[in-house]
Protein backbone atom coordinates (compact mmCIF):
# COMPACT_ATOMS: atom_id res chain seq x y z
CA UNK A 1 -18.53 -23.52 -1.98
CA UNK A 2 -20.30 -20.15 -1.79
CA UNK A 3 -17.68 -17.42 -1.50
CA UNK A 4 -17.82 -14.24 0.51
CA UNK A 5 -16.58 -11.21 -1.41
CA UNK A 6 -13.80 -11.05 1.23
CA UNK A 7 -11.38 -13.95 1.52
CA UNK A 8 -9.02 -14.09 4.51
CA UNK A 9 -5.67 -15.81 4.05
CA UNK A 10 -2.63 -16.32 6.23
CA UNK A 11 0.70 -15.48 4.65
CA UNK A 12 1.50 -19.17 4.20
CA UNK A 13 -1.86 -19.86 2.56
CA UNK A 14 -1.41 -16.92 0.17
CA UNK A 15 2.12 -18.06 -0.67
CA UNK A 16 1.09 -21.67 -1.34
CA UNK A 17 -1.83 -20.55 -3.52
CA UNK A 18 0.49 -18.53 -5.75
CA UNK A 19 2.67 -21.64 -6.06
CA UNK A 20 -0.27 -23.81 -7.10
CA UNK A 21 -1.09 -21.50 -10.01
CA UNK A 22 2.60 -21.23 -10.94
CA UNK A 23 2.65 -17.48 -10.43
CA UNK A 24 5.51 -15.10 -9.75
CA UNK A 25 6.06 -13.34 -6.43
CA UNK A 26 3.31 -11.02 -5.21
CA UNK A 27 4.28 -7.47 -4.22
CA UNK A 28 3.29 -6.98 -0.59
CA UNK A 29 3.40 -10.67 0.32
CA UNK A 30 6.24 -11.20 2.76
CA UNK A 31 7.96 -14.60 2.65
CA UNK A 32 6.12 -16.50 5.41
CA UNK A 33 8.52 -19.45 5.21
CA UNK A 34 11.62 -17.43 6.04
CA UNK A 35 13.66 -19.52 8.47
CA UNK A 36 12.01 -22.81 7.48
CA UNK A 37 14.58 -25.48 6.59
CA UNK A 38 14.50 -26.84 3.04
CA UNK A 39 13.84 -30.38 4.25
CA UNK A 40 10.84 -29.13 6.27
CA UNK A 41 9.18 -27.38 3.33
CA UNK A 42 7.32 -30.34 1.70
CA UNK A 43 5.59 -31.29 4.96
CA UNK A 44 4.76 -27.65 5.73
CA UNK A 45 3.33 -27.02 2.26
CA UNK A 46 1.26 -30.23 2.53
CA UNK A 47 -0.11 -29.02 5.88
CA UNK A 48 -1.12 -25.67 4.37
CA UNK A 49 -2.74 -27.38 1.38
CA UNK A 50 -4.79 -29.49 3.81
CA UNK A 51 -5.94 -26.30 5.56
CA UNK A 52 -7.00 -24.85 2.22
CA UNK A 53 -8.87 -28.05 1.33
CA UNK A 54 -10.74 -28.01 4.63
CA UNK A 55 -11.72 -24.38 4.10
CA UNK A 56 -12.95 -25.13 0.59
CA UNK A 57 -10.48 -22.75 -1.02
CA UNK A 58 -8.93 -25.50 -3.13
CA UNK A 59 -10.15 -28.88 -4.38
CA UNK A 60 -8.29 -31.94 -5.63
CA UNK A 61 -8.52 -32.49 -9.38
CA UNK A 62 -10.02 -35.94 -9.99
CA UNK A 63 -7.92 -36.53 -13.12
CA UNK A 64 -4.35 -35.79 -12.03
CA UNK A 65 -4.90 -35.60 -8.25
CA UNK A 66 -3.38 -32.11 -8.12
CA UNK A 67 -4.83 -29.21 -6.08
CA UNK A 68 -6.75 -26.55 -8.02
CA UNK A 69 -8.22 -23.27 -6.82
CA UNK A 70 -11.92 -22.50 -6.59
CA UNK A 71 -12.82 -20.22 -9.52
CA UNK A 72 -13.31 -16.88 -7.73
CA UNK A 73 -10.18 -17.34 -5.65
CA UNK A 74 -8.25 -18.31 -8.79
CA UNK A 75 -9.24 -14.98 -10.37
CA UNK A 76 -8.08 -13.08 -7.29
CA UNK A 77 -4.72 -14.87 -7.08
CA UNK A 78 -4.03 -14.49 -10.79
CA UNK A 79 -4.69 -10.74 -10.66
CA UNK A 80 -2.45 -10.35 -7.58
CA UNK A 81 0.42 -12.39 -9.01
CA UNK A 82 0.34 -11.46 -12.69
CA UNK A 83 -0.39 -7.73 -12.49
CA UNK A 84 1.95 -5.14 -13.96
CA UNK A 85 0.62 -2.35 -11.71
CA UNK A 86 0.34 -2.43 -7.91
CA UNK A 87 -0.63 0.41 -5.57
CA UNK A 88 0.47 0.34 -1.92
CA UNK A 89 -1.29 2.62 0.58
CA UNK A 90 -0.74 3.30 4.25
CA UNK A 91 -3.06 5.57 6.23
CA UNK A 92 -2.68 6.59 9.87
CA UNK A 93 -4.14 9.33 12.03
CA UNK A 94 -4.92 10.66 15.45
CA UNK A 95 -8.03 8.46 15.61
CA UNK A 96 -8.43 4.79 14.72
CA UNK A 97 -5.94 2.07 13.86
CA UNK A 98 -3.43 2.51 11.02
CA UNK A 99 -4.52 0.88 7.75
CA UNK A 100 -2.47 -0.71 5.00
CA UNK A 101 -3.44 -2.32 1.71
CA UNK A 102 -2.16 -3.35 -1.70
CA UNK A 103 -4.23 -2.82 -4.85
CA UNK A 104 -3.59 -5.15 -7.81
CA UNK A 105 -4.70 -4.06 -11.28
CA UNK A 106 -5.68 -5.99 -14.38
CA UNK A 107 -7.48 -4.56 -17.41
CA UNK A 108 -10.88 -5.84 -16.26
CA UNK A 109 -10.58 -6.50 -12.52
CA UNK A 110 -8.93 -4.85 -9.52
CA UNK A 111 -8.30 -6.76 -6.28
CA UNK A 112 -7.45 -5.26 -2.89
CA UNK A 113 -5.40 -7.05 -0.24
CA UNK A 114 -6.04 -5.42 3.13
CA UNK A 115 -3.38 -6.17 5.74
CA UNK A 116 -4.75 -7.14 9.14
CA UNK A 117 -3.12 -8.47 12.28
CA UNK A 118 -3.82 -12.03 13.39
CA UNK A 119 -4.17 -13.33 16.97
CA UNK A 120 -0.40 -13.74 17.35
CA UNK A 121 0.51 -10.58 15.45
CA UNK A 122 1.00 -12.37 12.13
CA UNK A 123 -0.08 -10.69 8.90
CA UNK A 124 -3.49 -11.65 7.54
CA UNK A 125 -4.34 -10.81 3.93
CA UNK A 126 -7.99 -10.01 3.23
CA UNK A 127 -8.67 -10.22 -0.51
CA UNK A 128 -11.60 -8.29 -1.93
CA UNK A 129 -12.74 -7.38 -5.44
CA UNK A 130 -12.93 -3.65 -6.17
CA UNK A 131 -14.52 -3.96 -9.61
CA UNK A 132 -13.20 -2.41 -12.80
CA UNK A 133 -10.27 0.05 -12.76
CA UNK A 134 -12.63 3.05 -12.93
CA UNK A 135 -14.78 1.68 -10.08
CA UNK A 136 -11.67 0.90 -8.04
CA UNK A 137 -10.30 4.43 -8.43
CA UNK A 138 -13.24 5.92 -6.51
CA UNK A 139 -12.67 3.41 -3.70
CA UNK A 140 -8.95 4.23 -3.58
CA UNK A 141 -9.75 7.93 -3.16
CA UNK A 142 -12.21 7.03 -0.39
CA UNK A 143 -9.59 4.89 1.37
CA UNK A 144 -7.27 7.91 1.68
CA UNK A 145 -9.99 9.90 3.52
CA UNK A 146 -9.16 13.22 1.89
CA UNK A 147 -10.59 16.46 3.30
CA UNK A 148 -10.09 20.06 2.18
CA UNK A 149 -8.43 22.59 4.47
CA UNK A 150 -7.96 26.39 4.32
CA UNK A 151 -4.29 25.98 3.39
CA UNK A 152 -3.21 29.47 4.36
CA UNK A 153 0.56 29.94 4.36
CA UNK A 154 1.43 26.65 2.65
CA UNK A 155 3.88 27.79 -0.02
CA UNK A 156 6.35 25.35 -1.61
CA UNK A 157 9.28 24.02 0.42
CA UNK A 158 12.06 21.50 -0.16
CA UNK A 159 14.01 19.21 2.17
CA UNK A 160 16.85 16.78 1.42
CA UNK A 161 15.36 13.50 0.24
CA UNK A 162 14.22 11.31 3.13
CA UNK A 163 14.28 14.08 5.72
CA UNK A 164 10.53 14.52 5.73
CA UNK A 165 9.89 10.86 6.56
CA UNK A 166 12.53 10.99 9.28
CA UNK A 167 10.91 14.14 10.65
CA UNK A 168 7.53 12.38 10.78
CA UNK A 169 9.18 9.49 12.62
CA UNK A 170 11.06 11.90 14.95
CA UNK A 171 14.37 10.40 13.81
CA UNK A 172 15.87 13.63 12.53
CA UNK A 173 15.76 15.65 15.74
CA UNK A 174 12.58 17.65 16.14
CA UNK A 175 14.07 21.05 15.34
CA UNK A 176 16.67 20.22 12.67
CA UNK A 177 14.39 20.15 9.58
CA UNK A 178 12.67 23.32 10.76
CA UNK A 179 16.03 25.07 11.24
CA UNK A 180 17.19 23.83 7.83
CA UNK A 181 14.13 25.29 6.09
CA UNK A 182 14.54 28.65 7.82
CA UNK A 183 18.23 28.70 6.88
CA UNK A 184 17.23 28.19 3.23
CA UNK A 185 15.22 31.41 3.40
CA UNK A 186 11.69 30.00 3.41
CA UNK A 187 9.08 32.23 5.11
CA UNK A 188 8.84 31.55 8.83
CA UNK A 189 5.03 31.43 8.65
CA UNK A 190 5.14 28.62 6.06
CA UNK A 191 7.81 26.65 7.94
CA UNK A 192 5.87 27.02 11.19
CA UNK A 193 2.64 25.86 9.53
CA UNK A 194 4.37 22.69 8.28
CA UNK A 195 6.10 22.05 11.61
CA UNK A 196 2.79 22.40 13.47
CA UNK A 197 1.19 19.84 11.15
CA UNK A 198 4.10 17.40 11.54
CA UNK A 199 3.82 17.65 15.33
CA UNK A 200 0.02 17.26 15.40
CA UNK A 201 -1.13 15.43 12.26
CA UNK A 202 -4.77 14.52 11.80
CA UNK A 203 -3.99 12.13 8.95
CA UNK A 204 -0.89 10.84 7.19
CA UNK A 205 -0.94 8.67 4.08
CA UNK A 206 1.58 7.22 1.66
CA UNK A 207 0.68 6.24 -1.90
CA UNK A 208 3.27 4.14 -3.73
CA UNK A 209 2.95 2.65 -7.21
CA UNK A 210 4.94 -0.35 -8.51
CA UNK A 211 5.06 -0.97 -12.25
CA UNK A 212 6.69 -4.31 -13.06
CA UNK A 213 6.65 -5.23 -16.75
CA UNK A 214 9.59 -7.54 -16.02
CA UNK A 215 11.78 -8.43 -13.03
CA UNK A 216 12.85 -4.79 -12.67
CA UNK A 217 10.10 -2.70 -11.06
CA UNK A 218 9.72 1.05 -11.42
CA UNK A 219 8.54 2.73 -8.22
CA UNK A 220 7.03 6.17 -7.63
CA UNK A 221 4.97 7.64 -4.85
CA UNK A 222 3.79 10.62 -2.87
CA UNK A 223 2.96 11.30 0.76
CA UNK A 224 -0.01 13.24 2.12
CA UNK A 225 -0.16 15.06 5.44
CA UNK A 226 -3.28 16.71 6.86
CA UNK A 227 -3.46 18.97 9.87
CA UNK A 228 -6.11 21.14 11.46
CA UNK A 229 -5.65 23.97 8.94
CA UNK A 230 -3.64 22.55 6.04
CA UNK A 231 -3.08 19.72 3.57
CA UNK A 232 0.48 19.01 2.44
CA UNK A 233 1.61 16.98 -0.55
CA UNK A 234 5.15 15.57 -0.48
CA UNK A 235 6.73 14.36 -3.70
CA UNK A 236 10.33 13.11 -4.12
CA UNK A 237 12.13 14.80 -6.98
CA UNK A 238 15.81 14.13 -7.58
CA UNK A 239 17.65 14.47 -4.29
CA UNK A 240 14.89 16.48 -2.60
CA UNK A 241 11.42 16.10 -1.11
CA UNK A 242 9.23 18.79 -2.67
CA UNK A 243 6.54 19.89 -0.20
CA UNK A 244 3.54 22.12 -0.89
CA UNK A 245 0.03 22.81 0.26
CA UNK A 246 -2.69 21.27 -1.90
CA UNK A 247 -6.46 21.10 -2.10
CA UNK A 248 -8.24 17.77 -2.51
CA UNK A 249 -8.73 18.27 -6.27
CA UNK A 250 -4.98 18.84 -6.70
CA UNK A 251 -4.18 15.76 -4.60
CA UNK A 252 -6.48 13.55 -6.68
CA UNK A 253 -4.88 14.88 -9.87
CA UNK A 254 -1.40 14.14 -8.48
CA UNK A 255 -2.41 10.60 -7.48
CA UNK A 256 -3.44 9.91 -11.06
CA UNK A 257 -0.27 11.57 -12.34
CA UNK A 258 1.88 9.19 -10.28
CA UNK A 259 0.33 6.24 -12.12
CA UNK A 260 0.68 7.91 -15.52
CA UNK A 261 4.33 8.87 -14.94
CA UNK A 262 5.39 5.37 -14.02
CA UNK A 263 4.05 3.58 -17.10
């Protein structure tokens, strides 16, 4: 079968494919069989394998009669399920639909799994090759849609860990983080600039890295917030969220630093 560079899979198809190659769990792949009874699993897996056969994504080995993956798909699934390093990105803004993807690294090949919504709201995983790690890095930067801003009055600030995310989600009470920052003695102009951006963001993105050399994963990440006049970089440090204005070059450097710190 001739493959497109983009392969769409349901959660159940993705899950079954990882089982066929005997791989470990894939970061970002939610368990699509949650709630399925154990006695129902063999029939359900057989149904999914039949779907994959009909779509040409697997074939039946003529020697042992076991399903095997088409070569390109096999490469994708092996990268996704055997990687040590995974990047998770979410991007949302005032225009367009929110985007989410997982990036799976190997030494020679990087694969992206873009999360889309199916007809019934189920998660669809769109697998796509991003090339070598250096080629993929440029595409990751493009995915985040970074733009420079004037960044006047964006000095460093700190909030208790988790408060910034709650503020973005309006869970903390709209004024409480702002009052907290003022009570800590931060300049009113800087606090106001951040509050204005939180209330009217042009773009928000999270960048999270998972490094899993064994069953215990190390996790680090940063958040990015862009407003009309400022870019903010949010980095957890100890029991605080460190917040500061940053230009695009600084943001790109910090993205790379997240990966380096976690290894």
